[in-house]
């Protein structure tokens, strides 16, 4: 597990690494609290984690997808590094973020030539 976490976090630097580490620790703590080996998780476990973020921890609607993205990225690296055969987060539905919860700079990119 330590090798998997190190490989994942090794892709980040500076404050991005600090925030990514924090988000991953929330997931790993949740796994420990639920007696779940993160490397043995299945899709339904990741979906339960998302519901926990929403219903128990009551994170802001924009925080839940960010924390889920970290989990998805962690499992993607586990597959790339042949730690896992497939990612349990592959088909987890991403929560929608209401427009009023999005950062003000979302959608400011223009597709005009």
PDB file of N, CA and C in Angstrom:
ATOM      1  N   UNK A   1       0.817  -1.192   0.000  1.00  0.00           N
ATOM      2  CA  UNK A   1       0.000   0.000   0.000  1.00  0.00           C
ATOM      3  C   UNK A   1       0.865   1.261   0.000  1.00  0.00           C
ATOM      4  N   UNK A   2       1.925   1.251   0.811  1.00  0.00           N
ATOM      5  CA  UNK A   2       2.805   2.421   0.857  1.00  0.00           C
ATOM      6  C   UNK A   2       3.422   2.716  -0.501  1.00  0.00           C
ATOM      7  N   UNK A   3       3.780   1.667  -1.225  1.00  0.00           N
ATOM      8  CA  UNK A   3       4.358   1.857  -2.558  1.00  0.00           C
ATOM      9  C   UNK A   3       3.344   2.491  -3.492  1.00  0.00           C
ATOM     10  N   UNK A   4       2.101   2.059  -3.406  1.00  0.00           N
ATOM     11  CA  UNK A   4       1.045   2.608  -4.258  1.00  0.00           C
ATOM     12  C   UNK A   4       0.812   4.086  -3.945  1.00  0.00           C
ATOM     13  N   UNK A   5       0.749   4.422  -2.662  1.00  0.00           N
ATOM     14  CA  UNK A   5       0.544   5.821  -2.253  1.00  0.00           C
ATOM     15  C   UNK A   5       1.734   6.672  -2.683  1.00  0.00           C
ATOM     16  N   UNK A   6       2.934   6.172  -2.485  1.00  0.00           N
ATOM     17  CA  UNK A   6       4.138   6.925  -2.887  1.00  0.00           C
ATOM     18  C   UNK A   6       4.188   7.148  -4.389  1.00  0.00           C
ATOM     19  N   UNK A   7       3.840   6.119  -5.143  1.00  0.00           N
ATOM     20  CA  UNK A   7       3.845   6.248  -6.605  1.00  0.00           C
ATOM     21  C   UNK A   7       2.835   7.290  -7.056  1.00  0.00           C
ATOM     22  N   UNK A   8       1.681   7.300  -6.421  1.00  0.00           N
ATOM     23  CA  UNK A   8       0.643   8.268  -6.785  1.00  0.00           C
ATOM     24  C   UNK A   8       1.063   9.687  -6.409  1.00  0.00           C
ATOM     25  N   UNK A   9       1.467   9.886  -5.169  1.00  0.00           N
ATOM     26  CA  UNK A   9       1.821  11.230  -4.714  1.00  0.00           C
ATOM     27  C   UNK A   9       3.099  11.740  -5.376  1.00  0.00           C
ATOM     28  N   UNK A  10       3.941  10.845  -5.843  1.00  0.00           N
ATOM     29  CA  UNK A  10       5.169  11.246  -6.515  1.00  0.00           C
ATOM     30  C   UNK A  10       4.939  11.998  -7.809  1.00  0.00           C
ATOM     31  N   UNK A  11       3.730  11.978  -8.293  1.00  0.00           N
ATOM     32  CA  UNK A  11       3.387  12.687  -9.531  1.00  0.00           C
ATOM     33  C   UNK A  11       3.065  14.154  -9.286  1.00  0.00           C
ATOM     34  N   UNK A  12       3.039  14.557  -8.015  1.00  0.00           N
ATOM     35  CA  UNK A  12       2.635  15.918  -7.665  1.00  0.00           C
ATOM     36  C   UNK A  12       3.746  16.632  -6.919  1.00  0.00           C
ATOM     37  N   UNK A  13       3.716  17.956  -6.952  1.00  0.00           N
ATOM     38  CA  UNK A  13       4.701  18.783  -6.260  1.00  0.00           C
ATOM     39  C   UNK A  13       3.995  19.922  -5.527  1.00  0.00           C
ATOM     40  N   UNK A  14       4.686  20.500  -4.578  1.00  0.00           N
ATOM     41  CA  UNK A  14       4.218  21.711  -3.904  1.00  0.00           C
ATOM     42  C   UNK A  14       2.866  21.556  -3.234  1.00  0.00           C
ATOM     43  N   UNK A  15       2.085  22.627  -3.319  1.00  0.00           N
ATOM     44  CA  UNK A  15       0.778  22.646  -2.664  1.00  0.00           C
ATOM     45  C   UNK A  15      -0.190  21.627  -3.265  1.00  0.00           C
ATOM     46  N   UNK A  16      -0.039  21.324  -4.551  1.00  0.00           N
ATOM     47  CA  UNK A  16      -0.900  20.314  -5.159  1.00  0.00           C
ATOM     48  C   UNK A  16      -0.682  18.972  -4.483  1.00  0.00           C
ATOM     49  N   UNK A  17       0.579  18.661  -4.200  1.00  0.00           N
ATOM     50  CA  UNK A  17       0.877  17.404  -3.504  1.00  0.00           C
ATOM     51  C   UNK A  17       0.292  17.407  -2.094  1.00  0.00           C
ATOM     52  N   UNK A  18       0.411  18.524  -1.396  1.00  0.00           N
ATOM     53  CA  UNK A  18      -0.120  18.631  -0.034  1.00  0.00           C
ATOM     54  C   UNK A  18      -1.631  18.392  -0.034  1.00  0.00           C
ATOM     55  N   UNK A  19      -2.335  19.041  -0.946  1.00  0.00           N
ATOM     56  CA  UNK A  19      -3.798  18.905  -1.003  1.00  0.00           C
ATOM     57  C   UNK A  19      -4.209  17.510  -1.465  1.00  0.00           C
ATOM     58  N   UNK A  20      -3.485  16.960  -2.419  1.00  0.00           N
ATOM     59  CA  UNK A  20      -3.785  15.617  -2.906  1.00  0.00           C
ATOM     60  C   UNK A  20      -3.553  14.595  -1.803  1.00  0.00           C
ATOM     61  N   UNK A  21      -2.467  14.753  -1.066  1.00  0.00           N
ATOM     62  CA  UNK A  21      -2.175  13.868   0.060  1.00  0.00           C
ATOM     63  C   UNK A  21      -3.303  13.943   1.090  1.00  0.00           C
ATOM     64  N   UNK A  22      -3.765  15.131   1.389  1.00  0.00           N
ATOM     65  CA  UNK A  22      -4.852  15.311   2.351  1.00  0.00           C
ATOM     66  C   UNK A  22      -6.129  14.603   1.879  1.00  0.00           C
ATOM     67  N   UNK A  23      -6.474  14.787   0.620  1.00  0.00           N
ATOM     68  CA  UNK A  23      -7.673  14.147   0.066  1.00  0.00           C
ATOM     69  C   UNK A  23      -7.549  12.627   0.086  1.00  0.00           C
ATOM     70  N   UNK A  24      -6.375  12.116  -0.254  1.00  0.00           N
ATOM     71  CA  UNK A  24      -6.172  10.668  -0.250  1.00  0.00           C
ATOM     72  C   UNK A  24      -6.234  10.115   1.174  1.00  0.00           C
ATOM     73  N   UNK A  25      -5.687  10.861   2.126  1.00  0.00           N
ATOM     74  CA  UNK A  25      -5.729  10.415   3.528  1.00  0.00           C
ATOM     75  C   UNK A  25      -7.168  10.288   4.033  1.00  0.00           C
ATOM     76  N   UNK A  26      -8.050  11.173   3.597  1.00  0.00           N
ATOM     77  CA  UNK A  26      -9.463  11.070   3.995  1.00  0.00           C
ATOM     78  C   UNK A  26     -10.026   9.738   3.526  1.00  0.00           C
ATOM     79  N   UNK A  27      -9.735   9.379   2.282  1.00  0.00           N
ATOM     80  CA  UNK A  27     -10.223   8.107   1.745  1.00  0.00           C
ATOM     81  C   UNK A  27      -9.608   6.926   2.487  1.00  0.00           C
ATOM     82  N   UNK A  28      -8.307   6.965   2.706  1.00  0.00           N
ATOM     83  CA  UNK A  28      -7.643   5.855   3.383  1.00  0.00           C
ATOM     84  C   UNK A  28      -8.125   5.708   4.823  1.00  0.00           C
ATOM     85  N   UNK A  29      -8.401   6.817   5.486  1.00  0.00           N
ATOM     86  CA  UNK A  29      -8.954   6.766   6.842  1.00  0.00           C
ATOM     87  C   UNK A  29     -10.358   6.157   6.813  1.00  0.00           C
ATOM     88  N   UNK A  30     -11.151   6.563   5.825  1.00  0.00           N
ATOM     89  CA  UNK A  30     -12.492   5.994   5.680  1.00  0.00           C
ATOM     90  C   UNK A  30     -12.393   4.477   5.496  1.00  0.00           C
ATOM     91  N   UNK A  31     -11.471   4.043   4.659  1.00  0.00           N
ATOM     92  CA  UNK A  31     -11.274   2.602   4.451  1.00  0.00           C
ATOM     93  C   UNK A  31     -10.917   1.912   5.762  1.00  0.00           C
ATOM     94  N   UNK A  32      -9.983   2.471   6.513  1.00  0.00           N
ATOM     95  CA  UNK A  32      -9.573   1.880   7.786  1.00  0.00           C
ATOM     96  C   UNK A  32     -10.747   1.819   8.762  1.00  0.00           C
ATOM     97  N   UNK A  33     -11.528   2.883   8.808  1.00  0.00           N
ATOM     98  CA  UNK A  33     -12.683   2.928   9.711  1.00  0.00           C
ATOM     99  C   UNK A  33     -13.753   1.911   9.340  1.00  0.00           C
ATOM    100  N   UNK A  34     -13.756   1.488   8.075  1.00  0.00           N
ATOM    101  CA  UNK A  34     -14.738   0.509   7.591  1.00  0.00           C
ATOM    102  C   UNK A  34     -14.113  -0.869   7.355  1.00  0.00           C
ATOM    103  N   UNK A  35     -12.929  -1.085   7.932  1.00  0.00           N
ATOM    104  CA  UNK A  35     -12.215  -2.367   7.800  1.00  0.00           C
ATOM    105  C   UNK A  35     -12.120  -2.819   6.348  1.00  0.00           C
ATOM    106  N   UNK A  36     -11.762  -1.889   5.483  1.00  0.00           N
ATOM    107  CA  UNK A  36     -11.666  -2.162   4.053  1.00  0.00           C
ATOM    108  C   UNK A  36     -10.230  -1.950   3.588  1.00  0.00           C
ATOM    109  N   UNK A  37      -9.665  -2.970   2.976  1.00  0.00           N
ATOM    110  CA  UNK A  37      -8.356  -2.834   2.346  1.00  0.00           C
ATOM    111  C   UNK A  37      -8.575  -2.039   1.053  1.00  0.00           C
ATOM    112  N   UNK A  38      -7.984  -0.850   0.925  1.00  0.00           N
ATOM    113  CA  UNK A  38      -8.214  -0.039  -0.276  1.00  0.00           C
ATOM    114  C   UNK A  38      -7.873  -0.774  -1.573  1.00  0.00           C
ATOM    115  N   UNK A  39      -6.914  -1.690  -1.508  1.00  0.00           N
ATOM    116  CA  UNK A  39      -6.546  -2.430  -2.726  1.00  0.00           C
ATOM    117  C   UNK A  39      -7.492  -3.586  -3.012  1.00  0.00           C
ATOM    118  N   UNK A  40      -8.450  -3.820  -2.123  1.00  0.00           N
ATOM    119  CA  UNK A  40      -9.469  -4.849  -2.336  1.00  0.00           C
ATOM    120  C   UNK A  40     -10.847  -4.225  -2.547  1.00  0.00           C
ATOM    121  N   UNK A  41     -10.907  -2.907  -2.626  1.00  0.00           N
ATOM    122  CA  UNK A  41     -12.186  -2.212  -2.792  1.00  0.00           C
ATOM    123  C   UNK A  41     -12.817  -2.540  -4.140  1.00  0.00           C
ATOM    124  N   UNK A  42     -14.133  -2.459  -4.177  1.00  0.00           N
ATOM    125  CA  UNK A  42     -14.906  -2.626  -5.404  1.00  0.00           C
ATOM    126  C   UNK A  42     -15.730  -1.351  -5.618  1.00  0.00           C
ATOM    127  N   UNK A  43     -16.343  -1.252  -6.780  1.00  0.00           N
ATOM    128  CA  UNK A  43     -17.086  -0.039  -7.145  1.00  0.00           C
ATOM    129  C   UNK A  43     -18.070   0.402  -6.066  1.00  0.00           C
ATOM    130  N   UNK A  44     -18.815  -0.528  -5.504  1.00  0.00           N
ATOM    131  CA  UNK A  44     -19.814  -0.156  -4.501  1.00  0.00           C
ATOM    132  C   UNK A  44     -19.170   0.471  -3.266  1.00  0.00           C
ATOM    133  N   UNK A  45     -17.949   0.078  -2.937  1.00  0.00           N
ATOM    134  CA  UNK A  45     -17.243   0.692  -1.811  1.00  0.00           C
ATOM    135  C   UNK A  45     -16.933   2.157  -2.104  1.00  0.00           C
ATOM    136  N   UNK A  46     -16.514   2.442  -3.311  1.00  0.00           N
ATOM    137  CA  UNK A  46     -16.201   3.824  -3.691  1.00  0.00           C
ATOM    138  C   UNK A  46     -17.490   4.650  -3.690  1.00  0.00           C
ATOM    139  N   UNK A  47     -18.588   4.053  -4.140  1.00  0.00           N
ATOM    140  CA  UNK A  47     -19.873   4.758  -4.114  1.00  0.00           C
ATOM    141  C   UNK A  47     -20.330   5.028  -2.678  1.00  0.00           C
ATOM    142  N   UNK A  48     -20.085   4.080  -1.772  1.00  0.00           N
ATOM    143  CA  UNK A  48     -20.413   4.314  -0.354  1.00  0.00           C
ATOM    144  C   UNK A  48     -19.571   5.447   0.205  1.00  0.00           C
ATOM    145  N   UNK A  49     -18.310   5.531  -0.199  1.00  0.00           N
ATOM    146  CA  UNK A  49     -17.432   6.617   0.229  1.00  0.00           C
ATOM    147  C   UNK A  49     -17.984   7.968  -0.238  1.00  0.00           C
ATOM    148  N   UNK A  50     -18.418   8.039  -1.479  1.00  0.00           N
ATOM    149  CA  UNK A  50     -18.982   9.283  -2.013  1.00  0.00           C
ATOM    150  C   UNK A  50     -20.219   9.682  -1.213  1.00  0.00           C
ATOM    151  N   UNK A  51     -21.095   8.723  -0.935  1.00  0.00           N
ATOM    152  CA  UNK A  51     -22.292   9.031  -0.136  1.00  0.00           C
ATOM    153  C   UNK A  51     -21.914   9.496   1.268  1.00  0.00           C
ATOM    154  N   UNK A  52     -20.874   8.896   1.843  1.00  0.00           N
ATOM    155  CA  UNK A  52     -20.399   9.312   3.160  1.00  0.00           C
ATOM    156  C   UNK A  52     -19.913  10.764   3.123  1.00  0.00           C
ATOM    157  N   UNK A  53     -19.160  11.117   2.073  1.00  0.00           N
ATOM    158  CA  UNK A  53     -18.705  12.501   1.924  1.00  0.00           C
ATOM    159  C   UNK A  53     -19.889  13.466   1.879  1.00  0.00           C
ATOM    160  N   UNK A  54     -20.939  13.050   1.163  1.00  0.00           N
ATOM    161  CA  UNK A  54     -22.104  13.906   0.989  1.00  0.00           C
ATOM    162  C   UNK A  54     -23.018  13.925   2.219  1.00  0.00           C
ATOM    163  N   UNK A  55     -23.373  12.754   2.715  1.00  0.00           N
ATOM    164  CA  UNK A  55     -24.418  12.643   3.736  1.00  0.00           C
ATOM    165  C   UNK A  55     -23.918  12.723   5.170  1.00  0.00           C
ATOM    166  N   UNK A  56     -22.746  12.188   5.439  1.00  0.00           N
ATOM    167  CA  UNK A  56     -22.223  12.177   6.811  1.00  0.00           C
ATOM    168  C   UNK A  56     -21.310  13.375   7.045  1.00  0.00           C
ATOM    169  N   UNK A  57     -20.333  13.536   6.188  1.00  0.00           N
ATOM    170  CA  UNK A  57     -19.380  14.646   6.357  1.00  0.00           C
ATOM    171  C   UNK A  57     -19.949  15.968   5.850  1.00  0.00           C
ATOM    172  N   UNK A  58     -20.949  15.901   5.000  1.00  0.00           N
ATOM    173  CA  UNK A  58     -21.626  17.089   4.462  1.00  0.00           C
ATOM    174  C   UNK A  58     -20.664  18.089   3.812  1.00  0.00           C
ATOM    175  N   UNK A  59     -19.763  17.533   2.986  1.00  0.00           N
ATOM    176  CA  UNK A  59     -18.849  18.402   2.249  1.00  0.00           C
ATOM    177  C   UNK A  59     -19.623  19.223   1.234  1.00  0.00           C
ATOM    178  N   UNK A  60     -19.065  20.360   0.891  1.00  0.00           N
ATOM    179  CA  UNK A  60     -19.662  21.213  -0.126  1.00  0.00           C
ATOM    180  C   UNK A  60     -19.767  20.441  -1.445  1.00  0.00           C
ATOM    181  N   UNK A  61     -20.777  20.743  -2.252  1.00  0.00           N
ATOM    182  CA  UNK A  61     -20.949  20.022  -3.518  1.00  0.00           C
ATOM    183  C   UNK A  61     -19.731  20.070  -4.442  1.00  0.00           C
ATOM    184  N   UNK A  62     -18.925  21.107  -4.356  1.00  0.00           N
ATOM    185  CA  UNK A  62     -17.732  21.182  -5.206  1.00  0.00           C
ATOM    186  C   UNK A  62     -16.564  20.376  -4.629  1.00  0.00           C
ATOM    187  N   UNK A  63     -16.601  20.050  -3.349  1.00  0.00           N
ATOM    188  CA  UNK A  63     -15.517  19.304  -2.707  1.00  0.00           C
ATOM    189  C   UNK A  63     -15.602  17.814  -2.991  1.00  0.00           C
ATOM    190  N   UNK A  64     -16.801  17.286  -3.047  1.00  0.00           N
ATOM    191  CA  UNK A  64     -16.990  15.842  -3.237  1.00  0.00           C
ATOM    192  C   UNK A  64     -16.375  15.363  -4.555  1.00  0.00           C
ATOM    193  N   UNK A  65     -16.656  16.002  -5.690  1.00  0.00           N
ATOM    194  CA  UNK A  65     -16.023  15.545  -6.936  1.00  0.00           C
ATOM    195  C   UNK A  65     -14.497  15.657  -6.917  1.00  0.00           C
ATOM    196  N   UNK A  66     -13.981  16.682  -6.243  1.00  0.00           N
ATOM    197  CA  UNK A  66     -12.522  16.823  -6.145  1.00  0.00           C
ATOM    198  C   UNK A  66     -11.929  15.668  -5.362  1.00  0.00           C
ATOM    199  N   UNK A  67     -12.515  15.339  -4.237  1.00  0.00           N
ATOM    200  CA  UNK A  67     -12.014  14.219  -3.433  1.00  0.00           C
ATOM    201  C   UNK A  67     -12.160  12.903  -4.189  1.00  0.00           C
ATOM    202  N   UNK A  68     -13.249  12.744  -4.918  1.00  0.00           N
ATOM    203  CA  UNK A  68     -13.423  11.535  -5.730  1.00  0.00           C
ATOM    204  C   UNK A  68     -12.374  11.481  -6.833  1.00  0.00           C
ATOM    205  N   UNK A  69     -12.049  12.596  -7.434  1.00  0.00           N
ATOM    206  CA  UNK A  69     -11.035  12.626  -8.496  1.00  0.00           C
ATOM    207  C   UNK A  69      -9.685  12.134  -7.999  1.00  0.00           C
ATOM    208  N   UNK A  70      -9.361  12.454  -6.758  1.00  0.00           N
ATOM    209  CA  UNK A  70      -8.107  11.976  -6.177  1.00  0.00           C
ATOM    210  C   UNK A  70      -8.138  10.460  -6.053  1.00  0.00           C
ATOM    211  N   UNK A  71      -9.258   9.910  -5.600  1.00  0.00           N
ATOM    212  CA  UNK A  71      -9.401   8.454  -5.467  1.00  0.00           C
ATOM    213  C   UNK A  71      -9.305   7.789  -6.845  1.00  0.00           C
ATOM    214  N   UNK A  72      -9.981   8.363  -7.821  1.00  0.00           N
ATOM    215  CA  UNK A  72      -9.929   7.830  -9.189  1.00  0.00           C
ATOM    216  C   UNK A  72      -8.487   7.849  -9.702  1.00  0.00           C
ATOM    217  N   UNK A  73      -7.784   8.949  -9.480  1.00  0.00           N
ATOM    218  CA  UNK A  73      -6.387   9.047  -9.913  1.00  0.00           C
ATOM    219  C   UNK A  73      -5.492   8.043  -9.208  1.00  0.00           C
ATOM    220  N   UNK A  74      -5.717   7.843  -7.918  1.00  0.00           N
ATOM    221  CA  UNK A  74      -4.945   6.861  -7.163  1.00  0.00           C
ATOM    222  C   UNK A  74      -5.113   5.475  -7.774  1.00  0.00           C
ATOM    223  N   UNK A  75      -6.343   5.090  -8.044  1.00  0.00           N
ATOM    224  CA  UNK A  75      -6.566   3.760  -8.623  1.00  0.00           C
ATOM    225  C   UNK A  75      -6.049   3.669 -10.058  1.00  0.00           C
ATOM    226  N   UNK A  76      -6.095   4.750 -10.793  1.00  0.00           N
ATOM    227  CA  UNK A  76      -5.548   4.756 -12.154  1.00  0.00           C
ATOM    228  C   UNK A  76      -4.049   4.451 -12.110  1.00  0.00           C
ATOM    229  N   UNK A  77      -3.330   5.067 -11.173  1.00  0.00           N
ATOM    230  CA  UNK A  77      -1.897   4.812 -11.028  1.00  0.00           C
ATOM    231  C   UNK A  77      -1.667   3.363 -10.591  1.00  0.00           C
ATOM    232  N   UNK A  78      -2.530   2.834  -9.721  1.00  0.00           N
ATOM    233  CA  UNK A  78      -2.396   1.430  -9.308  1.00  0.00           C
ATOM    234  C   UNK A  78      -2.510   0.488 -10.505  1.00  0.00           C
ATOM    235  N   UNK A  79      -3.384   0.814 -11.451  1.00  0.00           N
ATOM    236  CA  UNK A  79      -3.526  -0.006 -12.658  1.00  0.00           C
ATOM    237  C   UNK A  79      -2.302   0.176 -13.558  1.00  0.00           C
ATOM    238  N   UNK A  80      -1.881   1.415 -13.760  1.00  0.00           N
ATOM    239  CA  UNK A  80      -0.711   1.696 -14.598  1.00  0.00           C
ATOM    240  C   UNK A  80       0.518   0.965 -14.074  1.00  0.00           C
ATOM    241  N   UNK A  81       0.682   0.953 -12.759  1.00  0.00           N
ATOM    242  CA  UNK A  81       1.849   0.323 -12.137  1.00  0.00           C
ATOM    243  C   UNK A  81       1.658  -1.168 -11.870  1.00  0.00           C
ATOM    244  N   UNK A  82       0.582  -1.743 -12.391  1.00  0.00           N
ATOM    245  CA  UNK A  82       0.277  -3.183 -12.275  1.00  0.00           C
ATOM    246  C   UNK A  82       0.105  -3.650 -10.825  1.00  0.00           C
ATOM    247  N   UNK A  83      -0.330  -2.745  -9.957  1.00  0.00           N
ATOM    248  CA  UNK A  83      -0.663  -3.123  -8.586  1.00  0.00           C
ATOM    249  C   UNK A  83      -2.061  -3.749  -8.570  1.00  0.00           C
ATOM    250  N   UNK A  84      -2.936  -3.207  -9.422  1.00  0.00           N
ATOM    251  CA  UNK A  84      -4.289  -3.739  -9.591  1.00  0.00           C
ATOM    252  C   UNK A  84      -4.528  -4.037 -11.063  1.00  0.00           C
ATOM    253  N   UNK A  85      -5.377  -5.020 -11.317  1.00  0.00           N
ATOM    254  CA  UNK A  85      -5.723  -5.361 -12.701  1.00  0.00           C
ATOM    255  C   UNK A  85      -6.681  -4.344 -13.301  1.00  0.00           C
ATOM    256  N   UNK A  86      -7.626  -3.871 -12.483  1.00  0.00           N
ATOM    257  CA  UNK A  86      -8.563  -2.842 -12.947  1.00  0.00           C
ATOM    258  C   UNK A  86      -8.928  -1.941 -11.771  1.00  0.00           C
ATOM    259  N   UNK A  87      -9.428  -0.769 -12.079  1.00  0.00           N
ATOM    260  CA  UNK A  87      -9.766   0.214 -11.060  1.00  0.00           C
ATOM    261  C   UNK A  87     -11.195   0.038 -10.574  1.00  0.00           C
ATOM    262  N   UNK A  88     -11.395  -0.005  -9.258  1.00  0.00           N
ATOM    263  CA  UNK A  88     -12.757  -0.087  -8.737  1.00  0.00           C
ATOM    264  C   UNK A  88     -13.513   1.232  -8.899  1.00  0.00           C
ATOM    265  N   UNK A  89     -12.808   2.288  -9.273  1.00  0.00           N
ATOM    266  CA  UNK A  89     -13.439   3.597  -9.425  1.00  0.00           C
ATOM    267  C   UNK A  89     -13.813   3.908 -10.868  1.00  0.00           C
ATOM    268  N   UNK A  90     -13.557   2.963 -11.785  1.00  0.00           N
ATOM    269  CA  UNK A  90     -13.801   3.232 -13.207  1.00  0.00           C
ATOM    270  C   UNK A  90     -15.217   3.679 -13.535  1.00  0.00           C
ATOM    271  N   UNK A  91     -16.210   3.061 -12.964  1.00  0.00           N
ATOM    272  CA  UNK A  91     -17.588   3.346 -13.361  1.00  0.00           C
ATOM    273  C   UNK A  91     -18.402   4.013 -12.261  1.00  0.00           C
ATOM    274  N   UNK A  92     -17.726   4.650 -11.324  1.00  0.00           N
ATOM    275  CA  UNK A  92     -18.424   5.379 -10.276  1.00  0.00           C
ATOM    276  C   UNK A  92     -18.975   6.672 -10.872  1.00  0.00           C
ATOM    277  N   UNK A  93     -20.246   6.927 -10.614  1.00  0.00           N
ATOM    278  CA  UNK A  93     -20.858   8.158 -11.120  1.00  0.00           C
ATOM    279  C   UNK A  93     -20.298   9.354 -10.382  1.00  0.00           C
ATOM    280  N   UNK A  94     -19.938  10.354 -11.141  1.00  0.00           N
ATOM    281  CA  UNK A  94     -19.430  11.592 -10.559  1.00  0.00           C
ATOM    282  C   UNK A  94     -20.615  12.438 -10.103  1.00  0.00           C
ATOM    283  N   UNK A  95     -20.557  12.949  -8.889  1.00  0.00           N
ATOM    284  CA  UNK A  95     -21.642  13.823  -8.425  1.00  0.00           C
ATOM    285  C   UNK A  95     -21.678  15.107  -9.250  1.00  0.00           C
ATOM    286  N   UNK A  96     -22.865  15.608  -9.464  1.00  0.00           N
ATOM    287  CA  UNK A  96     -22.980  16.874 -10.190  1.00  0.00           C
ATOM    288  C   UNK A  96     -22.723  18.020  -9.235  1.00  0.00           C
ATOM    289  N   UNK A  97     -22.206  19.092  -9.786  1.00  0.00           N
ATOM    290  CA  UNK A  97     -21.923  20.286  -8.994  1.00  0.00           C
ATOM    291  C   UNK A  97     -22.883  21.374  -9.457  1.00  0.00           C
ATOM    292  N   UNK A  98     -23.794  21.810  -8.578  1.00  0.00           N
ATOM    293  CA  UNK A  98     -24.713  22.881  -8.972  1.00  0.00           C
ATOM    294  C   UNK A  98     -23.952  24.136  -9.381  1.00  0.00           C
ATOM    295  N   UNK A  99     -24.500  24.871 -10.320  1.00  0.00           N
ATOM    296  CA  UNK A  99     -23.830  26.069 -10.843  1.00  0.00           C
ATOM    297  C   UNK A  99     -23.450  27.040  -9.735  1.00  0.00           C
ATOM    298  N   UNK A 100     -24.310  27.191  -8.725  1.00  0.00           N
ATOM    299  CA  UNK A 100     -24.010  28.145  -7.657  1.00  0.00           C
ATOM    300  C   UNK A 100     -22.874  27.684  -6.748  1.00  0.00           C
ATOM    301  N   UNK A 101     -22.486  26.403  -6.847  1.00  0.00           N
ATOM    302  CA  UNK A 101     -21.386  25.882  -6.025  1.00  0.00           C
ATOM    303  C   UNK A 101     -20.060  25.852  -6.760  1.00  0.00           C
ATOM    304  N   UNK A 102     -20.079  26.164  -8.027  1.00  0.00           N
ATOM    305  CA  UNK A 102     -18.845  26.122  -8.806  1.00  0.00           C
ATOM    306  C   UNK A 102     -18.018  27.374  -8.559  1.00  0.00           C
ATOM    307  N   UNK A 103     -16.700  27.224  -8.615  1.00  0.00           N
ATOM    308  CA  UNK A 103     -15.847  28.421  -8.490  1.00  0.00           C
ATOM    309  C   UNK A 103     -16.183  29.428  -9.575  1.00  0.00           C
ATOM    310  N   UNK A 104     -16.007  30.695  -9.279  1.00  0.00           N
ATOM    311  CA  UNK A 104     -16.404  31.749 -10.210  1.00  0.00           C
ATOM    312  C   UNK A 104     -15.625  31.724 -11.514  1.00  0.00           C
ATOM    313  N   UNK A 105     -14.456  31.084 -11.560  1.00  0.00           N
ATOM    314  CA  UNK A 105     -13.668  31.077 -12.791  1.00  0.00           C
ATOM    315  C   UNK A 105     -14.010  29.896 -13.695  1.00  0.00           C
ATOM    316  N   UNK A 106     -14.931  29.009 -13.277  1.00  0.00           N
ATOM    317  CA  UNK A 106     -15.353  27.916 -14.152  1.00  0.00           C
ATOM    318  C   UNK A 106     -16.125  28.498 -15.320  1.00  0.00           C
ATOM    319  N   UNK A 107     -15.904  27.953 -16.465  1.00  0.00           N
ATOM    320  CA  UNK A 107     -16.667  28.374 -17.629  1.00  0.00           C
ATOM    321  C   UNK A 107     -16.218  29.670 -18.233  1.00  0.00           C
ATOM    322  N   UNK A 108     -15.051  30.169 -17.847  1.00  0.00           N
ATOM    323  CA  UNK A 108     -14.588  31.434 -18.407  1.00  0.00           C
ATOM    324  C   UNK A 108     -13.759  31.225 -19.659  1.00  0.00           C
ATOM    325  N   UNK A 109     -13.449  29.995 -19.992  1.00  0.00           N
ATOM    326  CA  UNK A 109     -12.679  29.738 -21.204  1.00  0.00           C
ATOM    327  C   UNK A 109     -13.557  29.940 -22.425  1.00  0.00           C
ATOM    328  N   UNK A 110     -13.015  30.496 -23.411  1.00  0.00           N
ATOM    329  CA  UNK A 110     -13.771  30.757 -24.630  1.00  0.00           C
ATOM    330  C   UNK A 110     -13.307  29.806 -25.732  1.00  0.00           C
ATOM    331  N   UNK A 111     -14.245  29.337 -26.530  1.00  0.00           N
ATOM    332  CA  UNK A 111     -13.891  28.486 -27.653  1.00  0.00           C
ATOM    333  C   UNK A 111     -13.816  29.264 -28.950  1.00  0.00           C
ATOM    334  N   UNK A 112     -13.852  30.586 -28.835  1.00  0.00           N
ATOM    335  CA  UNK A 112     -13.772  31.414 -30.042  1.00  0.00           C
ATOM    336  C   UNK A 112     -12.355  31.347 -30.598  1.00  0.00           C
ATOM    337  N   UNK A 113     -12.223  31.337 -31.942  1.00  0.00           N
ATOM    338  CA  UNK A 113     -10.887  31.286 -32.550  1.00  0.00           C
ATOM    339  C   UNK A 113     -10.089  32.540 -32.335  1.00  0.00           C
TER     340      UNK A 113
END
